[in-house]
Structures are given as C-alpha cells and as structure tokens.
Amino acid sequence: MEKAISRIIQAIGNKEKILIYGDYDVDGTTAVAVVYSFFREFHSQLEFYIPDRYAEGYGISTQGIDYAAANGFSLIIALDCGIKAIDKIDYANTKGIDFIIGDHHLPGEELPKAFAVLDPKRVDCDYPYKELSGCGIGFKIIQAFILTNGMDINACYQFLDLVAVSIASDIVPITGENRILSHFGLIKLNTNPCVGLKALIDLSNNRTKIFTVNDIVFQIGPRINAAGRIDHAKDAVKLLISKSLQEAKDFSSSIDDQNNVRKDFDLKITEEALALIEENVVLKSRKSTVLYKSDWHKGVIGIVASRLTEKYYRPTIILTETNGHIAGSCRSVIGFDLYEALNECADLLEQFGGHKYAAGLTMSLDNVSLFQDRFEEVVARRISPEMLTQEIQIDAKLHLKDIDAKFFRILQQFEPFGPQNESPIFLSKKVSSVGPAFL
C-alpha cells in the first residue's frame, strides 16, 4: 500500500494522466466511482475506463491499455480485476504504463509485474481481513492516501454508501470489517445517499425507502448491473459520480429502461434453458448443469445460471458465443468449491476466474462438449449428497410468547445480515393458522 500511495502522490505532483480502470459489474463500477470521485477533487488529469463486456471481456484488456497509451496515461489504477492479468501487465510495461492493481480475487501462482499489487488474498499479505470487496479495496486506497497526507478522514467516509452497495451486490461475507463498512454504509444510504444512489432509490418499489442488504441485492444492484449487461457499464459510473440530482435522474431513467430489457432477456433464456433440461433425461440426472446456446445474451447468462441453480440445486454453468469464443457464467451450491472444480478443467479453458460460489470462463467452441463431460465428472467425484439437498437450517426454537419489542431490538443488533451472518431462522411448534397471514 505504501508503494501504491507514493506512486499516486508522484503522479499527482507531476500532473501525470491517471486512468481509473474497473470491471463492469456493481463491485467494479462502484469501486471506480469511489476512487474517481475522490481524486477528481484535486487532480484534473483523471479519467475512468470500463471495458466493454462484449468487445473486450472481463478484466484488463489490450484495448484498454492501447487507449491509455494513445491518450498519454502513465498510471492505471485497476480495481476489482487484474490479479491474473500477467501478460496484459507485461504489455503495459512495454508501453511505459505503470499499473496499481487493487483486486480481491484469488491470485494465481504468479503475480503480475505491476508497480504495486494490492490483494488481501495474496499469500504474503498480512492484512487482517481477507474478504473486502473490490470497492472495499478502492476505499482502502483513498483511506491510505488520506492518512498519508494528513487529510480529514471524513473525506473517505462519504463513500460508505457505495461500499455497502458493493458488499451486498458482490455477495462477499458480511463479517469483520465488511460488517462495519456495511453498517455505516447503510446508515449513509438511508440518510444521505450520493445523488446517483438517491436517483435509484427513487425508482425502486421499496415503499418504506429504508434499504437493507437484501433490498440492495434485489433493487439497486440489478439496475447498476443492467448498464453493462445491455449497453455499457460506463453509464453506471456516470450515474454514480453525478454531482446533481437532475443529472443522476437522467442516467437512472436510462439504466432503468436497460434493466427492463434485461428482464425480458432473462425470462426468455431461462425458459429455453429449463426446456433443454426437462426434455433430456441425461441432463436431468446429472450432478451438474452445463448448457450452451450460441444466441443467448451474454449479459444475462449469470442471472440464468443463478435461477437454474435455485431450481435444480446443483453447480450450474451457462455458455454462449461471443466474438468467436465461448463465454460462461458459473454458480455453485453451498459447500461446493466451484473455483477448484474449474481448476481441474483448466486445460480445456482459455481463462477463468472468480470465487468459490461464482465464476466466469472462456473457451473455444471445440471444447464445449469435452468440458460438459469433464465438469460433470469432476462434480460427481467431489460433491456429496448433502450438498445437493437444499436445507432450511433452523437456528433455534422460539415460543410465540417470547416475541416482543425487546426481542426485536436484540435481533436488530445482529444486522446487517448477509453471507456468513445470515438472518436467523426460528422454529415454532404446535402453531396453527386461524386466518390469512400478513407481512
């Protein structure tokens, strides 16, 4: 971190052009919005860059580096991506462009030869909390910059609402530091959100306008994601860095339209995928789902993978064709390490990356059938019957007489709920319904 901050200070002092580069999902766009919004207040030689999901694909792209070189950028701060971009960073080095990588994904055996590599999952990193989101890494960069330069620490706290949105949307554990960031980020979101998030809140169907982690996941996150799925994620960043509410409303209206288009694609492809499985006895009996159709929209295959995982409750990969390659989005079930399973299929893949429960990949068309069989073999060998059975895990028995205002206040102290800090599920016995239930 010290090396990264010293390089940023040098770039600002020398009036170098800095490019803030990020992934096209919620985590990446919020990360770019946070870091860009902070540094633009005192450095004019600043731009942001989001790769095109369809033309460039995930992560650091050659096109992005060429853009930086052609436009005189000497420093790129990459957020939520880059930890495996060995060849791309080598290419940037030949162009005289320094990279600071701020990522939270699992590194490979070799780290990129960037100027600085920030990733709490590095084996040699002793940072005490390992599960920060990509936006959380961006937040740490500006926090370190503020501390190094003796600035007012409140200058970074203004971005906690965006950090909370990234934590909820990227499904990272809400434990440790993430729980603290989420707690204060939700307070900011519900009392004084940035104008971009305020515009999205105004579009939502949340009648109370009090947002929880769950509300972010289902109402704010999908709208931000829709920009990159249907058109270009730079629109999401423009929304999140807006300075006026009117400007934000214009961007949010466009993004809401894109979200409605996304829903239509999502529904159509999900129906087609379900039909493929239901019509094929072999596919129904497998321990995994790997489906391919060349005309499925790349922007929604991750959503479809999630829906099929919920339906059949087994590791699922949805594949489609894009730019002469096969792209895939992968989802898993509780307890099954998807990343390790993909690693056993690495010789059939051009690239892959992600987490234990969600990942992305690319391969050649020639390998689709081989991959379907290999992945099924790996899953069948690794997965246990318990992992293939969805369970309701009861935390405690609860008598109805014990549910009172005090109980509710204590329960609220466990919030914010999310991965690894799930909302408790209680069981009450000998209860019968005497009429319709209301929420």
Protein backbone atom coordinates (compact mmCIF):
# COMPACT_ATOMS: atom_id res chain seq x y z
CA MET A 1 0.00 0.00 0.00
CA GLU A 2 2.82 2.42 0.82
CA LYS A 3 4.29 1.82 -2.63
CA ALA A 4 0.91 2.40 -4.30
CA ILE A 5 0.26 5.63 -2.42
CA SER A 6 3.74 7.01 -3.11
CA ARG A 7 3.20 6.36 -6.84
CA ILE A 8 -0.18 8.15 -6.80
CA ILE A 9 1.34 11.12 -4.93
CA GLN A 10 4.13 11.25 -7.51
CA ALA A 11 1.64 11.15 -10.40
CA ILE A 12 -0.44 13.97 -8.91
CA GLY A 13 2.66 16.06 -8.19
CA ASN A 14 3.93 15.61 -11.76
CA LYS A 15 0.45 16.23 -13.25
CA GLU A 16 0.51 12.79 -14.90
CA LYS A 17 -2.64 11.43 -16.50
CA ILE A 18 -4.23 8.73 -14.32
CA LEU A 19 -6.78 6.20 -15.60
CA ILE A 20 -9.14 4.55 -13.10
CA TYR A 21 -9.94 1.13 -14.60
CA GLY A 22 -12.63 -1.21 -13.29
CA ASP A 23 -14.81 -4.21 -14.02
CA TYR A 24 -18.30 -3.78 -15.47
CA ASP A 25 -20.32 -5.26 -12.58
CA VAL A 26 -21.66 -3.50 -9.47
CA ASP A 27 -18.46 -4.05 -7.49
CA GLY A 28 -16.25 -2.74 -10.27
CA THR A 29 -18.37 0.29 -11.15
CA THR A 30 -18.81 1.36 -7.52
CA ALA A 31 -15.05 0.95 -6.99
CA VAL A 32 -14.31 3.19 -9.97
CA ALA A 33 -16.92 5.71 -8.81
CA VAL A 34 -15.40 5.91 -5.31
CA VAL A 35 -11.77 6.33 -6.40
CA TYR A 36 -12.57 8.64 -9.32
CA SER A 37 -14.88 10.85 -7.25
CA PHE A 38 -12.25 11.24 -4.54
CA PHE A 39 -9.26 12.08 -6.74
CA ARG A 40 -11.10 14.37 -9.17
CA GLU A 41 -11.45 16.92 -6.37
CA PHE A 42 -7.75 17.79 -6.58
CA HIS A 43 -6.38 16.20 -9.76
CA SER A 44 -7.72 17.24 -13.18
CA GLN A 45 -5.68 14.78 -15.25
CA LEU A 46 -8.06 11.93 -14.49
CA GLU A 47 -10.39 9.65 -16.45
CA PHE A 48 -12.11 6.32 -15.88
CA TYR A 49 -12.31 3.29 -18.14
CA ILE A 50 -14.70 0.33 -18.07
CA PRO A 51 -14.10 -2.47 -20.62
CA ASP A 52 -16.93 -3.38 -22.95
CA ARG A 53 -18.40 -6.70 -21.77
CA TYR A 54 -18.80 -7.96 -25.35
CA ALA A 55 -15.90 -6.41 -27.27
CA GLU A 56 -13.22 -6.73 -24.55
CA GLY A 57 -14.48 -9.20 -21.97
CA TYR A 58 -13.65 -9.37 -18.28
CA GLY A 59 -10.64 -7.72 -16.69
CA ILE A 60 -7.66 -5.84 -18.11
CA SER A 61 -7.85 -5.66 -21.91
CA THR A 62 -5.31 -4.91 -24.60
CA GLN A 63 -7.75 -2.30 -25.94
CA GLY A 64 -7.80 -0.55 -22.59
CA ILE A 65 -4.01 -0.43 -22.41
CA ASP A 66 -3.82 0.83 -26.01
CA TYR A 67 -6.34 3.55 -25.13
CA ALA A 68 -4.20 4.61 -22.19
CA ALA A 69 -1.03 4.66 -24.29
CA ALA A 70 -2.66 6.60 -27.14
CA ASN A 71 -4.00 9.22 -24.75
CA GLY A 72 -0.90 9.77 -22.66
CA PHE A 73 -1.83 7.97 -19.43
CA SER A 74 1.23 6.91 -17.44
CA LEU A 75 -0.59 5.34 -14.47
CA ILE A 76 -3.57 2.97 -14.37
CA ILE A 77 -5.31 2.11 -11.09
CA ALA A 78 -7.15 -1.17 -11.74
CA LEU A 79 -9.98 -2.08 -9.37
CA ASP A 80 -11.83 -5.39 -8.92
CA CYS A 81 -9.68 -7.01 -11.61
CA GLY A 82 -6.10 -7.57 -12.73
CA ILE A 83 -4.74 -10.11 -10.27
CA LYS A 84 -4.28 -12.71 -13.05
CA ALA A 85 -3.51 -10.31 -15.92
CA ILE A 86 0.12 -11.42 -16.23
CA ASP A 87 0.51 -10.90 -19.98
CA LYS A 88 -1.57 -7.70 -20.05
CA ILE A 89 0.58 -6.06 -17.37
CA ASP A 90 3.72 -7.17 -19.23
CA TYR A 91 2.27 -5.49 -22.32
CA ALA A 92 1.54 -2.29 -20.37
CA ASN A 93 5.12 -2.26 -19.09
CA THR A 94 6.39 -2.23 -22.69
CA LYS A 95 4.26 0.88 -23.23
CA GLY A 96 5.73 2.65 -20.20
CA ILE A 97 2.48 2.49 -18.24
CA ASP A 98 2.58 1.73 -14.52
CA PHE A 99 -0.23 -0.35 -13.00
CA ILE A 100 -1.54 -0.33 -9.45
CA ILE A 101 -3.75 -3.39 -9.08
CA GLY A 102 -6.46 -3.32 -6.40
CA ASP A 103 -8.18 -6.69 -6.54
CA HIS A 104 -9.86 -9.12 -4.15
CA HIS A 105 -9.96 -12.27 -6.28
CA LEU A 106 -7.72 -15.27 -5.69
CA PRO A 107 -4.24 -14.78 -7.22
CA GLY A 108 -2.57 -17.46 -9.32
CA GLU A 109 0.84 -18.88 -8.56
CA GLU A 110 2.45 -15.85 -10.23
CA LEU A 111 1.61 -12.21 -9.53
CA PRO A 112 1.52 -9.62 -12.34
CA LYS A 113 4.62 -7.42 -12.60
CA ALA A 114 2.67 -4.29 -11.74
CA PHE A 115 4.13 -1.31 -9.86
CA ALA A 116 2.03 -2.34 -6.84
CA VAL A 117 -0.34 -5.26 -6.27
CA LEU A 118 -2.97 -4.84 -3.54
CA ASP A 119 -4.90 -8.02 -2.78
CA PRO A 120 -5.61 -9.28 0.75
CA LYS A 121 -5.69 -12.83 -0.64
CA ARG A 122 -2.01 -12.69 -1.56
CA VAL A 123 -0.25 -15.44 0.39
CA ASP A 124 2.31 -12.91 1.64
CA CYS A 125 -0.28 -10.33 2.71
CA ASP A 126 -0.77 -9.93 6.45
CA TYR A 127 -3.73 -7.57 6.23
CA PRO A 128 -6.05 -8.92 8.96
CA TYR A 129 -9.29 -9.09 6.92
CA LYS A 130 -9.32 -11.07 3.68
CA GLU A 131 -12.86 -10.65 2.34
CA LEU A 132 -13.02 -7.00 1.24
CA SER A 133 -14.98 -6.29 -1.93
CA GLY A 134 -13.26 -4.72 -4.94
CA CYS A 135 -14.84 -1.41 -3.95
CA GLY A 136 -13.58 -2.06 -0.42
CA ILE A 137 -10.03 -2.19 -1.84
CA GLY A 138 -10.68 1.14 -3.58
CA PHE A 139 -11.91 2.56 -0.28
CA LYS A 140 -8.71 1.38 1.42
CA ILE A 141 -6.63 3.16 -1.23
CA ILE A 142 -8.27 6.51 -0.60
CA GLN A 143 -8.21 5.92 3.17
CA ALA A 144 -4.46 5.27 2.98
CA PHE A 145 -3.97 8.36 0.80
CA ILE A 146 -5.85 10.49 3.35
CA LEU A 147 -3.85 9.13 6.31
CA THR A 148 -0.55 9.55 4.48
CA ASN A 149 -1.31 13.17 3.63
CA GLY A 150 -2.83 14.19 6.97
CA MET A 151 -6.22 14.94 5.42
CA ASP A 152 -9.65 14.88 7.09
CA ILE A 153 -10.65 11.22 7.42
CA ASN A 154 -14.30 12.14 6.77
CA ALA A 155 -13.31 12.64 3.14
CA CYS A 156 -13.46 8.85 2.66
CA TYR A 157 -16.47 8.15 4.88
CA GLN A 158 -18.70 9.99 2.40
CA PHE A 159 -18.34 6.97 0.08
CA LEU A 160 -19.52 4.31 2.54
CA ASP A 161 -22.93 4.05 0.86
CA LEU A 162 -21.25 2.90 -2.37
CA VAL A 163 -19.04 0.48 -0.41
CA ALA A 164 -22.15 -1.04 1.22
CA VAL A 165 -23.79 -1.46 -2.19
CA SER A 166 -20.69 -3.28 -3.47
CA ILE A 167 -20.51 -5.60 -0.45
CA ALA A 168 -24.17 -6.58 -0.76
CA SER A 169 -24.15 -6.97 -4.55
CA ASP A 170 -20.89 -8.94 -4.79
CA ILE A 171 -22.13 -11.46 -2.17
CA VAL A 172 -18.95 -11.22 -0.08
CA PRO A 173 -19.12 -12.26 3.60
CA ILE A 174 -20.69 -9.68 5.92
CA THR A 175 -18.30 -10.39 8.74
CA GLY A 176 -15.44 -8.48 10.35
CA GLU A 177 -14.55 -5.27 8.55
CA ASN A 178 -17.23 -5.79 5.89
CA ARG A 179 -19.88 -5.83 8.63
CA ILE A 180 -18.62 -2.50 9.95
CA LEU A 181 -18.45 -0.96 6.48
CA SER A 182 -21.95 -2.27 5.68
CA HIS A 183 -23.40 -0.99 8.96
CA PHE A 184 -22.22 2.57 8.49
CA GLY A 185 -22.73 2.39 4.73
CA LEU A 186 -26.40 1.50 5.20
CA ILE A 187 -26.80 4.43 7.59
CA LYS A 188 -25.37 6.71 4.89
CA LEU A 189 -27.54 5.09 2.20
CA ASN A 190 -30.70 5.60 4.26
CA THR A 191 -29.99 9.13 5.47
CA ASN A 192 -27.78 10.93 2.98
CA PRO A 193 -27.01 8.85 -0.13
CA CYS A 194 -24.95 10.19 -3.02
CA VAL A 195 -27.19 11.63 -5.73
CA GLY A 196 -26.66 8.62 -8.02
CA LEU A 197 -27.94 6.18 -5.41
CA LYS A 198 -30.69 8.63 -4.43
CA ALA A 199 -31.97 8.52 -8.04
CA LEU A 200 -32.02 4.69 -7.95
CA ILE A 201 -33.78 4.69 -4.58
CA ASP A 202 -36.47 6.96 -6.03
CA LEU A 203 -37.02 4.43 -8.86
CA SER A 204 -37.38 1.45 -6.53
CA ASN A 205 -40.64 -0.06 -5.34
CA ASN A 206 -39.47 -0.02 -1.73
CA ARG A 207 -42.40 1.67 -0.02
CA THR A 208 -40.53 2.41 3.21
CA LYS A 209 -37.40 3.67 1.38
CA ILE A 210 -35.41 2.04 4.20
CA PHE A 211 -32.87 -0.21 2.50
CA THR A 212 -31.35 -3.40 3.88
CA VAL A 213 -28.68 -5.62 2.31
CA ASN A 214 -31.50 -7.65 0.75
CA ASP A 215 -33.04 -4.55 -0.79
CA ILE A 216 -29.70 -3.60 -2.34
CA VAL A 217 -29.32 -7.08 -3.84
CA PHE A 218 -32.74 -7.09 -5.48
CA GLN A 219 -33.48 -3.42 -6.20
CA ILE A 220 -30.31 -1.36 -6.55
CA GLY A 221 -27.71 -3.90 -7.71
CA PRO A 222 -29.63 -5.24 -10.74
CA ARG A 223 -30.19 -1.73 -12.08
CA ILE A 224 -26.50 -0.86 -11.84
CA ASN A 225 -25.59 -4.18 -13.44
CA ALA A 226 -28.09 -3.68 -16.26
CA ALA A 227 -25.98 -0.92 -17.83
CA GLY A 228 -23.09 -3.30 -18.52
CA ARG A 229 -25.34 -6.21 -19.44
CA ILE A 230 -27.41 -4.41 -22.07
CA ASP A 231 -25.33 -1.42 -23.19
CA HIS A 232 -22.13 -0.17 -21.50
CA ALA A 233 -21.23 -0.03 -17.81
CA LYS A 234 -19.68 3.42 -18.18
CA ASP A 235 -23.27 4.69 -17.88
CA ALA A 236 -23.45 3.19 -14.39
CA VAL A 237 -20.26 5.02 -13.38
CA LYS A 238 -21.60 8.28 -14.84
CA LEU A 239 -24.70 7.81 -12.69
CA LEU A 240 -22.70 7.10 -9.53
CA ILE A 241 -20.33 10.06 -9.98
CA SER A 242 -23.12 12.52 -10.83
CA LYS A 243 -22.92 15.84 -8.99
CA SER A 244 -26.53 16.95 -9.46
CA LEU A 245 -29.75 15.04 -8.79
CA GLN A 246 -31.16 16.01 -12.19
CA GLU A 247 -28.11 14.60 -13.96
CA ALA A 248 -28.42 11.42 -11.88
CA LYS A 249 -32.13 11.10 -12.68
CA ASP A 250 -31.40 11.29 -16.41
CA PHE A 251 -28.85 8.47 -16.16
CA SER A 252 -31.02 6.40 -13.78
CA SER A 253 -34.01 6.61 -16.13
CA SER A 254 -31.91 5.25 -18.99
CA ILE A 255 -30.49 2.50 -16.78
CA ASP A 256 -33.99 1.56 -15.60
CA ASP A 257 -35.02 1.11 -19.24
CA GLN A 258 -32.00 -1.15 -19.75
CA ASN A 259 -33.00 -3.14 -16.67
CA ASN A 260 -36.44 -3.77 -18.15
CA VAL A 261 -34.82 -5.04 -21.37
CA ARG A 262 -32.57 -7.24 -19.22
CA LYS A 263 -35.63 -8.76 -17.52
CA ASP A 264 -37.11 -9.72 -20.89
CA PHE A 265 -33.87 -11.44 -21.99
CA ASP A 266 -33.60 -13.13 -18.60
CA LEU A 267 -37.12 -14.59 -18.76
CA LYS A 268 -36.79 -15.85 -22.34
CA ILE A 269 -33.41 -17.53 -21.86
CA THR A 270 -34.43 -19.08 -18.53
CA GLU A 271 -37.47 -20.66 -20.20
CA GLU A 272 -35.28 -22.04 -23.01
CA ALA A 273 -32.73 -23.44 -20.57
CA LEU A 274 -35.39 -25.11 -18.43
CA ALA A 275 -36.90 -26.71 -21.54
CA LEU A 276 -33.50 -28.11 -22.59
CA ILE A 277 -33.15 -29.89 -19.24
CA GLU A 278 -36.73 -31.11 -18.93
CA GLU A 279 -36.61 -32.63 -22.42
CA ASN A 280 -33.38 -34.54 -21.81
CA VAL A 281 -33.27 -37.47 -19.37
CA VAL A 282 -29.46 -37.46 -19.24
CA LEU A 283 -29.27 -33.76 -18.37
CA LYS A 284 -31.91 -34.16 -15.66
CA SER A 285 -30.00 -36.98 -13.98
CA ARG A 286 -26.62 -35.25 -13.85
CA LYS A 287 -24.92 -33.78 -10.79
CA SER A 288 -24.19 -30.56 -12.70
CA THR A 289 -25.81 -28.37 -15.34
CA VAL A 290 -23.76 -27.11 -18.29
CA LEU A 291 -25.87 -25.67 -21.13
CA TYR A 292 -24.81 -23.95 -24.34
CA LYS A 293 -26.72 -21.98 -26.96
CA SER A 294 -24.93 -19.65 -29.35
CA ASP A 295 -27.55 -16.87 -29.38
CA TRP A 296 -28.11 -16.49 -25.65
CA HIS A 297 -27.40 -12.92 -24.50
CA LYS A 298 -24.08 -12.82 -22.67
CA GLY A 299 -25.29 -10.08 -20.37
CA VAL A 300 -27.84 -12.25 -18.57
CA ILE A 301 -26.30 -15.73 -18.52
CA GLY A 302 -25.14 -15.17 -14.93
CA ILE A 303 -28.70 -14.47 -13.83
CA VAL A 304 -29.93 -17.55 -15.70
CA ALA A 305 -27.22 -19.67 -14.05
CA SER A 306 -28.45 -18.46 -10.65
CA ARG A 307 -32.07 -19.29 -11.48
CA LEU A 308 -31.19 -22.81 -12.66
CA THR A 309 -29.07 -23.37 -9.55
CA GLU A 310 -32.10 -22.49 -7.42
CA LYS A 311 -34.35 -24.78 -9.49
CA TYR A 312 -32.18 -27.92 -9.62
CA TYR A 313 -29.78 -27.11 -6.77
CA ARG A 314 -26.52 -28.23 -8.36
CA PRO A 315 -23.42 -26.47 -9.80
CA THR A 316 -24.51 -24.71 -12.98
CA ILE A 317 -22.74 -23.17 -15.97
CA ILE A 318 -24.47 -21.31 -18.80
CA LEU A 319 -22.47 -20.86 -22.02
CA THR A 320 -22.94 -18.63 -25.05
CA GLU A 321 -20.93 -17.45 -28.04
CA THR A 322 -19.33 -14.03 -28.18
CA ASN A 323 -16.65 -12.69 -30.52
CA GLY A 324 -15.71 -16.14 -31.77
CA HIS A 325 -15.26 -17.55 -28.28
CA ILE A 326 -17.48 -19.32 -25.78
CA ALA A 327 -18.17 -17.34 -22.61
CA GLY A 328 -19.62 -18.92 -19.49
CA SER A 329 -21.09 -17.84 -16.19
CA CYS A 330 -20.94 -20.27 -13.28
CA ARG A 331 -22.82 -20.63 -9.99
CA SER A 332 -22.48 -23.18 -7.20
CA VAL A 333 -24.32 -24.61 -4.20
CA ILE A 334 -23.44 -24.31 -0.52
CA GLY A 335 -20.27 -26.21 0.32
CA PHE A 336 -19.09 -26.93 -3.24
CA ASP A 337 -15.94 -25.07 -4.38
CA LEU A 338 -16.64 -24.09 -7.98
CA TYR A 339 -13.24 -22.48 -8.48
CA GLU A 340 -11.38 -25.68 -7.57
CA ALA A 341 -13.63 -27.70 -9.90
CA LEU A 342 -12.87 -25.33 -12.78
CA ASN A 343 -9.17 -25.62 -11.98
CA GLU A 344 -9.42 -29.34 -12.76
CA CYS A 345 -10.77 -28.39 -16.19
CA ALA A 346 -8.20 -25.64 -16.80
CA ASP A 347 -6.63 -27.37 -19.83
CA LEU A 348 -9.96 -27.01 -21.67
CA LEU A 349 -10.36 -23.32 -20.82
CA GLU A 350 -8.75 -20.21 -22.26
CA GLN A 351 -9.22 -18.38 -18.96
CA PHE A 352 -11.34 -18.48 -15.82
CA GLY A 353 -11.63 -16.61 -12.56
CA GLY A 354 -13.93 -15.83 -9.68
CA HIS A 355 -14.88 -17.16 -6.27
CA LYS A 356 -15.94 -20.38 -4.56
CA TYR A 357 -19.59 -19.87 -5.50
CA ALA A 358 -19.47 -17.73 -8.66
CA ALA A 359 -17.06 -17.59 -11.58
CA GLY A 360 -16.66 -16.78 -15.25
CA LEU A 361 -14.79 -18.54 -18.03
CA THR A 362 -13.94 -18.56 -21.74
CA MET A 363 -13.10 -21.47 -24.04
CA SER A 364 -13.07 -22.45 -27.70
CA LEU A 365 -16.20 -23.89 -29.32
CA ASP A 366 -14.35 -27.17 -29.97
CA ASN A 367 -14.06 -27.79 -26.22
CA VAL A 368 -17.71 -27.31 -25.19
CA SER A 369 -18.69 -30.97 -25.34
CA LEU A 370 -15.44 -32.10 -23.70
CA PHE A 371 -15.92 -29.52 -20.96
CA GLN A 372 -19.52 -30.61 -20.27
CA ASP A 373 -18.36 -34.17 -19.68
CA ARG A 374 -15.22 -33.23 -17.72
CA PHE A 375 -17.05 -30.80 -15.43
CA GLU A 376 -19.75 -33.41 -14.73
CA GLU A 377 -17.06 -35.97 -13.88
CA VAL A 378 -15.32 -33.54 -11.51
CA VAL A 379 -18.55 -32.51 -9.79
CA ALA A 380 -19.78 -36.11 -9.45
CA ARG A 381 -16.47 -37.06 -7.82
CA ARG A 382 -16.23 -34.05 -5.49
CA ILE A 383 -19.78 -33.31 -4.43
CA SER A 384 -21.54 -35.05 -1.54
CA PRO A 385 -25.24 -35.97 -1.49
CA GLU A 386 -25.77 -33.46 1.33
CA MET A 387 -24.56 -30.61 -0.89
CA LEU A 388 -27.19 -31.49 -3.49
CA THR A 389 -30.02 -31.23 -0.99
CA GLN A 390 -31.24 -27.77 -0.13
CA GLU A 391 -31.92 -27.40 3.56
CA ILE A 392 -33.65 -24.97 5.85
CA GLN A 393 -31.23 -24.60 8.75
CA ILE A 394 -33.11 -23.81 11.95
CA ASP A 395 -31.09 -21.69 14.37
CA ALA A 396 -33.35 -22.03 17.41
CA LYS A 397 -36.81 -22.93 18.64
CA LEU A 398 -38.92 -19.93 19.55
CA HIS A 399 -42.11 -19.66 21.59
CA LEU A 400 -44.54 -17.08 20.27
CA LYS A 401 -44.88 -15.59 23.75
CA ASP A 402 -41.18 -14.64 23.63
CA ILE A 403 -41.61 -12.42 20.57
CA ASP A 404 -41.84 -8.88 21.93
CA ALA A 405 -40.28 -5.45 21.39
CA LYS A 406 -37.16 -6.34 23.38
CA PHE A 407 -36.61 -9.49 21.35
CA PHE A 408 -36.93 -7.48 18.14
CA ARG A 409 -34.45 -4.83 19.33
CA ILE A 410 -31.89 -7.51 20.21
CA LEU A 411 -32.40 -9.19 16.85
CA GLN A 412 -31.74 -5.90 15.06
CA GLN A 413 -28.34 -5.67 16.77
CA PHE A 414 -27.21 -8.67 14.72
CA GLU A 415 -27.73 -6.72 11.49
CA PRO A 416 -26.65 -6.20 8.75
CA PHE A 417 -27.46 -9.74 7.68
CA GLY A 418 -25.82 -11.39 4.69
CA PRO A 419 -23.36 -14.16 3.74
CA GLN A 420 -21.80 -15.76 6.85
CA ASN A 421 -24.02 -13.57 9.03
CA GLU A 422 -27.37 -14.88 7.87
CA SER A 423 -30.69 -13.71 9.24
CA PRO A 424 -31.64 -16.28 11.90
CA ILE A 425 -34.42 -18.75 11.18
CA PHE A 426 -36.62 -19.75 14.10
CA LEU A 427 -39.00 -22.67 14.51
CA SER A 428 -42.24 -22.51 16.43
CA LYS A 429 -44.12 -25.78 17.03
CA LYS A 430 -47.77 -26.55 17.70
CA VAL A 431 -48.91 -23.46 15.81
CA SER A 432 -51.99 -23.45 13.61
CA SER A 433 -53.31 -20.80 11.25
CA VAL A 434 -56.67 -19.25 12.09
CA GLY A 435 -56.75 -16.86 9.14
CA PRO A 436 -54.70 -15.24 6.40
CA ALA A 437 -51.16 -14.21 7.31
CA PHE A 438 -49.83 -10.70 6.66
CA LEU A 439 -46.33 -9.33 6.32
